[in-house]
Each structure stands twice: as C-alpha cells, then as structure tokens.
C-alpha cells in the first residue's frame, strides 16, 4: 500500500506541475476516496439488519435528504437535457452502489474494489492514445487474473460478477459526473440525482431491509454511512472534476483498491493475502499509468 500511495503521489505531483492543477482538488479526491471506502466498511456492519440493498437505500436516501437541504436545488425552469443528465447520473449511482454492496457481502472489500476498478481503468484507457496502453491493459488483466486464480474456489463467483457490474456503472458515473458538474450550478445536479437514485432503490431496498428500517440505532448508523459514503465523497468529487482534467482524477482514484483493502482490515478485520496484495498493486499501477499517459480529454457522454 505504501508503494501504491507513493506512485499516486508522484503521478499526481507530475500532473499538477504540467497541467496547473492546484493542491485543493487533489486533496478533495483523496479525501473522497478515504471517506467512501471507510464508509463502505462501516456499511457492512449493517448488512445483518438491513441486507446489502436495504443498506444502500438508507445510505442514498439519507444522502438525498442532506443534499436537498444543503443545496436547495430549484425544480422549475430546468431544461430537458438537465433532467436527463440528473436521471442518468442517479441511475448510475443506484446501480454502482447496489452492485458494490452486493459484492462486498460476498467477497472481501479490497478484492471487490480491485475487480470493480476495471470500469475506471477502461475510462482511463479510452482516453489514452499511446502504445504504452497495451502495457497498462496487460498489467491490469494480469492483476485481475491473479486475483481470481490465486483465491481459487474460496472466491464467490457471483460476488465477482457484482463487482464487475459495479465497475461498469462506476465508469458511467465518472463520465456523467463531468457533464453534471458542467450542466448544473453548485451541487444541484448531485442533489437531484440522489433523489432519482432513491426512487430506483426504494422498492428493492424496503423488501431487503424489512422492519430493520424502523430501528433507531440502525437508522443512526445508516446516517453516518450516508455522510461518509455519499454526501462527503460525491460532493468532493463533483467539485474536484470542475477544477482538474478527468485523467488526473483517474490517477488519484487509482488509490481506491489499496484504501479499500486498508478499510477492510481496520473496520472488518479482513486480512490481505500476499497474492491479493500483488494483484491490487498491479491494478493500481496500471490504472495510475493509464490515466497519467492519457493525452486527450475523456470523451463526452451525449
């Protein structure tokens, strides 16, 4: 993990110097990464009472309430394009978080994020135009293959499918985040997207959670998860993407699998095997490298 942290620090420092990115948005992204992963570790402790989807509903629902109060977005006068972006962004949030929680219910958090990171890595590679991309793609593939093969039958295959699906939704989230930040003032787009995400999750979430949603202690813990996993990181990421190129964002986000493993260890007592550590390091390095060597901005989402 120290090696991954050093790599990201060097890469972000180089990009900051070349692109004129100030330290503030870099700190925002790193803070967002730490918050979302430790929030996810805390969320796992709610699965016994609410189930994975019920926990996601509580997290997203509370986040929607907090963001609506904080930003007070206007509902009238929006263009059709703005509503389409908010709805698509909300759907990506619901799918990404729902599948990720289903994944970490079955496989260790660090392992799940490593598989999930295939999505952001694909975004970074799509923005690159160099022969070195083949090296990064091969390195990431080796890491994913090593992770799957090294854990053998102990790795839940459905958990892997959920993690990979969450990765695809994560890629959509990154691209849509940029568009939402440009189309809406302040955090209005994020607040409206959270409302859409809550609407998508409310039926499956209530079915999964049952009467667990009536427990005040569980609700209080769910509110803390919402702050750590949604309100803080998404707000920070939205502001950061307004101030830095998306490829720089990708470099910094490459720290996510390492921090997920750390959060799993500290919050849930999940150990990291040597083969897992090597696989995570390969994916982190590939992701940082691909984002760093990207020469063109990420393609817009139409």
Protein backbone atom coordinates (compact mmCIF):
# COMPACT_ATOMS: atom_id res chain seq x y z
CA UNK A 1 0.00 0.00 0.00
CA UNK A 2 2.88 2.35 0.72
CA UNK A 3 4.19 1.72 -2.78
CA UNK A 4 0.81 2.49 -4.32
CA UNK A 5 0.49 5.66 -2.27
CA UNK A 6 3.95 6.78 -3.38
CA UNK A 7 3.14 6.05 -7.02
CA UNK A 8 -0.06 8.10 -6.91
CA UNK A 9 1.69 10.95 -5.11
CA UNK A 10 4.44 11.07 -7.77
CA UNK A 11 1.96 10.84 -10.64
CA UNK A 12 -0.37 13.49 -9.24
CA UNK A 13 2.59 15.74 -8.46
CA UNK A 14 3.84 15.48 -12.03
CA UNK A 15 0.40 16.14 -13.47
CA UNK A 16 -0.13 19.05 -11.11
CA UNK A 17 3.07 20.65 -12.36
CA UNK A 18 2.27 20.04 -16.03
CA UNK A 19 -1.41 20.91 -16.03
CA UNK A 20 -1.52 23.57 -13.37
CA UNK A 21 -3.84 21.63 -11.05
CA UNK A 22 -3.84 23.17 -7.58
CA UNK A 23 -3.44 21.06 -4.43
CA UNK A 24 -7.06 21.74 -3.35
CA UNK A 25 -8.84 19.46 -5.87
CA UNK A 26 -6.20 16.77 -5.34
CA UNK A 27 -6.96 16.85 -1.62
CA UNK A 28 -10.68 16.67 -2.44
CA UNK A 29 -10.26 13.46 -4.45
CA UNK A 30 -8.04 11.78 -1.85
CA UNK A 31 -10.48 12.75 0.90
CA UNK A 32 -13.35 11.35 -1.16
CA UNK A 33 -11.55 8.04 -1.71
CA UNK A 34 -10.83 7.61 2.00
CA UNK A 35 -14.39 8.56 3.04
CA UNK A 36 -16.16 6.23 0.63
CA UNK A 37 -14.07 3.19 1.49
CA UNK A 38 -14.24 3.57 5.27
CA UNK A 39 -17.95 4.29 4.88
CA UNK A 40 -18.32 1.04 2.94
CA UNK A 41 -16.54 -0.86 5.69
CA UNK A 42 -18.96 0.60 8.22
CA UNK A 43 -21.90 -0.25 5.96
CA UNK A 44 -21.04 -3.96 6.03
CA UNK A 45 -21.85 -3.97 9.74
CA UNK A 46 -25.46 -3.08 8.80
CA UNK A 47 -25.97 -6.00 6.41
CA UNK A 48 -27.23 -8.33 9.14
CA UNK A 49 -30.06 -5.90 9.97
CA UNK A 50 -30.85 -4.39 6.57
CA UNK A 51 -29.29 -6.55 3.89
CA UNK A 52 -27.00 -5.04 1.22
CA UNK A 53 -29.73 -3.37 -0.85
CA UNK A 54 -31.54 -2.10 2.23
CA UNK A 55 -28.29 -0.56 3.43
CA UNK A 56 -27.79 1.15 0.07
CA UNK A 57 -31.33 2.55 0.23
CA UNK A 58 -30.67 4.01 3.68
CA UNK A 59 -27.36 5.46 2.57
CA UNK A 60 -28.67 7.02 -0.63
CA UNK A 61 -31.95 8.16 0.92
CA UNK A 62 -30.26 9.98 3.79
CA UNK A 63 -27.74 11.46 1.36
CA UNK A 64 -30.58 12.78 -0.80
CA UNK A 65 -32.20 14.48 2.20
CA UNK A 66 -28.93 16.08 3.33
CA UNK A 67 -28.05 17.30 -0.15
CA UNK A 68 -31.53 18.71 -0.78
CA UNK A 69 -31.31 20.67 2.46
CA UNK A 70 -27.75 21.81 1.78
CA UNK A 71 -28.18 22.90 -1.84
CA UNK A 72 -31.94 23.57 -2.10
CA UNK A 73 -31.95 22.97 -5.86
CA UNK A 74 -34.69 24.61 -7.86
CA UNK A 75 -37.14 22.23 -9.51
CA UNK A 76 -38.68 24.60 -12.01
CA UNK A 77 -37.04 26.03 -15.10
CA UNK A 78 -34.80 23.02 -15.77
CA UNK A 79 -34.14 22.01 -19.36
CA UNK A 80 -34.98 18.56 -20.64
CA UNK A 81 -31.24 17.91 -21.02
CA UNK A 82 -30.63 18.71 -17.36
CA UNK A 83 -33.34 16.30 -16.21
CA UNK A 84 -31.94 13.58 -18.47
CA UNK A 85 -28.47 14.06 -17.03
CA UNK A 86 -29.74 14.04 -13.45
CA UNK A 87 -31.76 10.88 -14.07
CA UNK A 88 -28.87 9.09 -15.78
CA UNK A 89 -26.47 10.16 -13.03
CA UNK A 90 -28.91 8.94 -10.38
CA UNK A 91 -29.31 5.59 -12.13
CA UNK A 92 -25.54 5.14 -12.30
CA UNK A 93 -25.29 5.92 -8.57
CA UNK A 94 -28.03 3.42 -7.67
CA UNK A 95 -26.59 0.61 -9.81
CA UNK A 96 -22.97 1.26 -8.82
CA UNK A 97 -23.68 1.30 -5.09
CA UNK A 98 -26.22 -1.51 -5.14
CA UNK A 99 -23.96 -3.92 -7.02
CA UNK A 100 -20.93 -2.94 -4.95
CA UNK A 101 -22.71 -3.66 -1.67
CA UNK A 102 -23.91 -6.99 -3.05
CA UNK A 103 -20.29 -7.73 -3.93
CA UNK A 104 -18.77 -6.89 -0.54
CA UNK A 105 -21.45 -9.03 1.08
CA UNK A 106 -19.79 -12.00 -0.66
CA UNK A 107 -16.10 -11.17 -1.14
CA UNK A 108 -13.54 -9.06 0.80
CA UNK A 109 -13.74 -5.31 0.31
CA UNK A 110 -10.25 -4.90 -1.16
CA UNK A 111 -10.86 -7.74 -3.60
CA UNK A 112 -14.23 -6.32 -4.65
CA UNK A 113 -12.82 -2.86 -5.38
CA UNK A 114 -9.96 -4.35 -7.38
CA UNK A 115 -12.42 -6.10 -9.68
CA UNK A 116 -14.67 -3.02 -9.70
CA UNK A 117 -11.76 -0.86 -10.78
CA UNK A 118 -11.85 -2.44 -14.24
CA UNK A 119 -14.51 0.20 -15.04
CA UNK A 120 -12.47 3.34 -14.22
CA UNK A 121 -9.43 1.71 -15.82
CA UNK A 122 -11.40 1.31 -19.03
CA UNK A 123 -12.28 5.02 -18.92
CA UNK A 124 -8.60 5.91 -18.50
CA UNK A 125 -7.52 3.62 -21.36
CA UNK A 126 -10.23 5.06 -23.63
CA UNK A 127 -8.65 8.49 -23.13
CA UNK A 128 -5.13 7.27 -23.97
CA UNK A 129 -3.59 7.15 -27.42
CA UNK A 130 -0.16 5.61 -26.81
CA UNK A 131 1.42 2.22 -27.36
CA UNK A 132 2.09 2.08 -23.64
CA UNK A 133 -1.65 1.49 -23.20
CA UNK A 134 -1.06 -2.16 -24.12
CA UNK A 135 1.31 -2.47 -21.17
CA UNK A 136 -1.22 -0.96 -18.75
CA UNK A 137 -4.04 -3.14 -20.07
CA UNK A 138 -1.88 -6.26 -19.80
CA UNK A 139 -0.80 -5.36 -16.28
CA UNK A 140 -4.40 -4.83 -15.17
CA UNK A 141 -5.51 -8.08 -16.80
CA UNK A 142 -2.68 -9.91 -15.03
CA UNK A 143 -3.76 -8.44 -11.71
CA UNK A 144 -7.40 -9.44 -12.20
CA UNK A 145 -6.42 -12.93 -13.40
CA UNK A 146 -4.03 -13.38 -10.49
CA UNK A 147 -6.70 -12.28 -8.05
CA UNK A 148 -9.27 -14.70 -9.41
CA UNK A 149 -6.89 -17.63 -9.82
CA UNK A 150 -4.99 -17.06 -6.61
CA UNK A 151 -8.10 -17.23 -4.43
CA UNK A 152 -9.37 -20.38 -6.13
CA UNK A 153 -12.71 -21.86 -5.00
CA UNK A 154 -12.82 -19.55 -1.96
CA UNK A 155 -13.74 -16.64 -4.26
CA UNK A 156 -17.50 -16.28 -4.68
CA UNK A 157 -18.17 -16.07 -8.44
CA UNK A 158 -21.41 -14.13 -8.05
CA UNK A 159 -19.59 -11.61 -5.87
CA UNK A 160 -17.09 -11.11 -8.70
CA UNK A 161 -19.92 -10.58 -11.21
CA UNK A 162 -21.48 -7.99 -8.92
CA UNK A 163 -18.12 -6.20 -8.54
CA UNK A 164 -17.52 -6.12 -12.30
CA UNK A 165 -21.04 -4.79 -12.86
CA UNK A 166 -20.39 -2.09 -10.29
CA UNK A 167 -17.24 -1.23 -12.22
CA UNK A 168 -19.21 -0.67 -15.42
CA UNK A 169 -21.58 1.62 -13.53
CA UNK A 170 -18.58 3.39 -11.97
CA UNK A 171 -17.24 4.17 -15.45
CA UNK A 172 -20.59 5.71 -16.37
CA UNK A 173 -20.58 7.65 -13.09
CA UNK A 174 -17.18 9.22 -13.86
CA UNK A 175 -18.24 10.35 -17.33
CA UNK A 176 -21.64 11.61 -16.19
CA UNK A 177 -20.12 13.38 -13.18
CA UNK A 178 -18.17 15.64 -15.51
CA UNK A 179 -21.27 16.50 -17.52
CA UNK A 180 -23.45 17.09 -14.46
CA UNK A 181 -20.84 19.40 -12.96
CA UNK A 182 -20.89 21.49 -16.13
CA UNK A 183 -24.67 21.48 -16.59
CA UNK A 184 -25.72 22.44 -13.06
CA UNK A 185 -24.69 25.19 -10.69
CA UNK A 186 -23.24 24.27 -7.28
CA UNK A 187 -24.31 20.79 -6.13
CA UNK A 188 -27.81 20.96 -7.60
CA UNK A 189 -27.23 18.18 -10.11
CA UNK A 190 -25.91 15.81 -7.45
CA UNK A 191 -28.85 16.52 -5.13
CA UNK A 192 -31.40 15.85 -7.86
CA UNK A 193 -29.53 12.73 -8.96
CA UNK A 194 -29.69 11.37 -5.40
CA UNK A 195 -33.47 11.75 -5.49
CA UNK A 196 -33.60 9.69 -8.68
CA UNK A 197 -31.26 7.09 -7.14
CA UNK A 198 -33.50 6.79 -4.09
CA UNK A 199 -36.54 6.27 -6.31
CA UNK A 200 -34.75 3.43 -8.13
CA UNK A 201 -33.75 1.72 -4.87
CA UNK A 202 -36.84 2.22 -2.72
CA UNK A 203 -38.78 -0.94 -3.66
CA UNK A 204 -35.91 -3.48 -3.61
CA UNK A 205 -34.41 -1.74 -0.58
CA UNK A 206 -37.60 -1.93 1.52
CA UNK A 207 -38.06 -5.59 0.56
CA UNK A 208 -34.48 -6.39 1.57
CA UNK A 209 -34.48 -4.41 4.83
CA UNK A 210 -37.97 -5.14 6.14
CA UNK A 211 -38.63 -3.86 9.67
CA UNK A 212 -34.92 -3.13 10.13
CA UNK A 213 -35.73 0.33 8.79
CA UNK A 214 -37.70 1.01 11.98
CA UNK A 215 -34.73 0.52 14.33
CA UNK A 216 -33.48 3.93 15.51
CA UNK A 217 -29.96 2.65 16.22
CA UNK A 218 -29.71 1.19 12.74
CA UNK A 219 -31.03 4.43 11.24
CA UNK A 220 -28.39 6.46 13.10
CA UNK A 221 -25.62 4.23 11.81
CA UNK A 222 -27.10 4.43 8.32
CA UNK A 223 -26.98 8.21 8.52
CA UNK A 224 -23.26 8.06 9.36
CA UNK A 225 -22.72 5.73 6.39
CA UNK A 226 -24.59 8.18 4.15
CA UNK A 227 -22.33 11.05 5.19
CA UNK A 228 -19.12 9.05 4.75
CA UNK A 229 -20.04 7.11 1.63
CA UNK A 230 -22.20 9.56 -0.34
CA UNK A 231 -22.53 13.15 0.86
CA UNK A 232 -18.84 13.83 1.52
CA UNK A 233 -17.17 11.90 -1.34
CA UNK A 234 -19.62 12.73 -4.12
CA UNK A 235 -19.64 16.40 -3.23
CA UNK A 236 -15.84 16.47 -3.15
CA UNK A 237 -15.53 14.59 -6.45
CA UNK A 238 -18.04 16.85 -8.18
CA UNK A 239 -16.11 19.95 -7.14
CA UNK A 240 -12.74 18.34 -7.97
CA UNK A 241 -13.82 17.43 -11.51
CA UNK A 242 -14.72 21.07 -12.10
CA UNK A 243 -11.10 22.02 -11.38
CA UNK A 244 -8.99 19.24 -12.90
CA UNK A 245 -8.82 17.14 -16.08
CA UNK A 246 -10.68 13.83 -15.81
CA UNK A 247 -7.43 11.92 -16.47
CA UNK A 248 -5.82 13.50 -13.40
CA UNK A 249 -8.89 12.42 -11.47
CA UNK A 250 -8.28 8.89 -12.76
CA UNK A 251 -4.70 8.87 -11.47
CA UNK A 252 -5.80 9.83 -7.98
CA UNK A 253 -8.70 7.39 -7.98
CA UNK A 254 -6.22 4.57 -8.63
CA UNK A 255 -5.56 4.60 -4.90
CA UNK A 256 -9.06 3.21 -4.31
CA UNK A 257 -8.27 -0.55 -4.23
CA UNK A 258 -5.43 -0.06 -1.75
CA UNK A 259 -7.57 2.08 0.56
CA UNK A 260 -10.42 -0.43 0.27
CA UNK A 261 -8.10 -3.18 1.48
CA UNK A 262 -6.95 -0.96 4.34
CA UNK A 263 -10.54 -0.13 5.32
CA UNK A 264 -11.49 -3.80 5.19
CA UNK A 265 -8.61 -4.62 7.50
CA UNK A 266 -9.22 -1.82 10.02
CA UNK A 267 -13.02 -1.88 10.12
CA UNK A 268 -13.86 -5.52 9.35
CA UNK A 269 -10.66 -7.36 10.26
CA UNK A 270 -10.23 -8.67 6.69
CA UNK A 271 -6.63 -9.69 6.09
CA UNK A 272 -4.80 -9.23 2.80
CA UNK A 273 -3.03 -12.32 1.44
CA UNK A 274 0.23 -11.91 -0.50
CA UNK A 275 -1.43 -12.85 -3.79
CA UNK A 276 -4.15 -10.26 -3.16
CA UNK A 277 -1.56 -7.59 -2.37
CA UNK A 278 0.31 -8.28 -5.61
CA UNK A 279 -2.91 -8.26 -7.66
CA UNK A 280 -4.06 -5.00 -6.08
CA UNK A 281 -0.64 -3.43 -6.73
CA UNK A 282 -0.79 -4.45 -10.41
CA UNK A 283 -4.24 -2.93 -10.91
CA UNK A 284 -3.31 0.25 -9.02
CA UNK A 285 -0.14 0.69 -11.07
CA UNK A 286 -1.95 0.02 -14.36
CA UNK A 287 -4.72 2.47 -13.51
CA UNK A 288 -2.35 5.24 -12.47
CA UNK A 289 -0.17 4.66 -15.52
CA UNK A 290 -3.07 4.64 -17.97
CA UNK A 291 -4.55 7.83 -16.54
CA UNK A 292 -1.17 9.55 -16.46
CA UNK A 293 -0.30 8.85 -20.09
CA UNK A 294 -3.71 9.83 -21.46
CA UNK A 295 -3.22 12.68 -23.92
CA UNK A 296 -6.80 13.53 -24.79
CA UNK A 297 -9.69 14.56 -22.55
CA UNK A 298 -12.27 11.92 -21.77
CA UNK A 299 -15.00 11.71 -24.43
CA UNK A 300 -18.26 13.43 -23.55
CA UNK A 301 -21.44 11.50 -22.85
CA UNK A 302 -24.18 12.51 -25.29
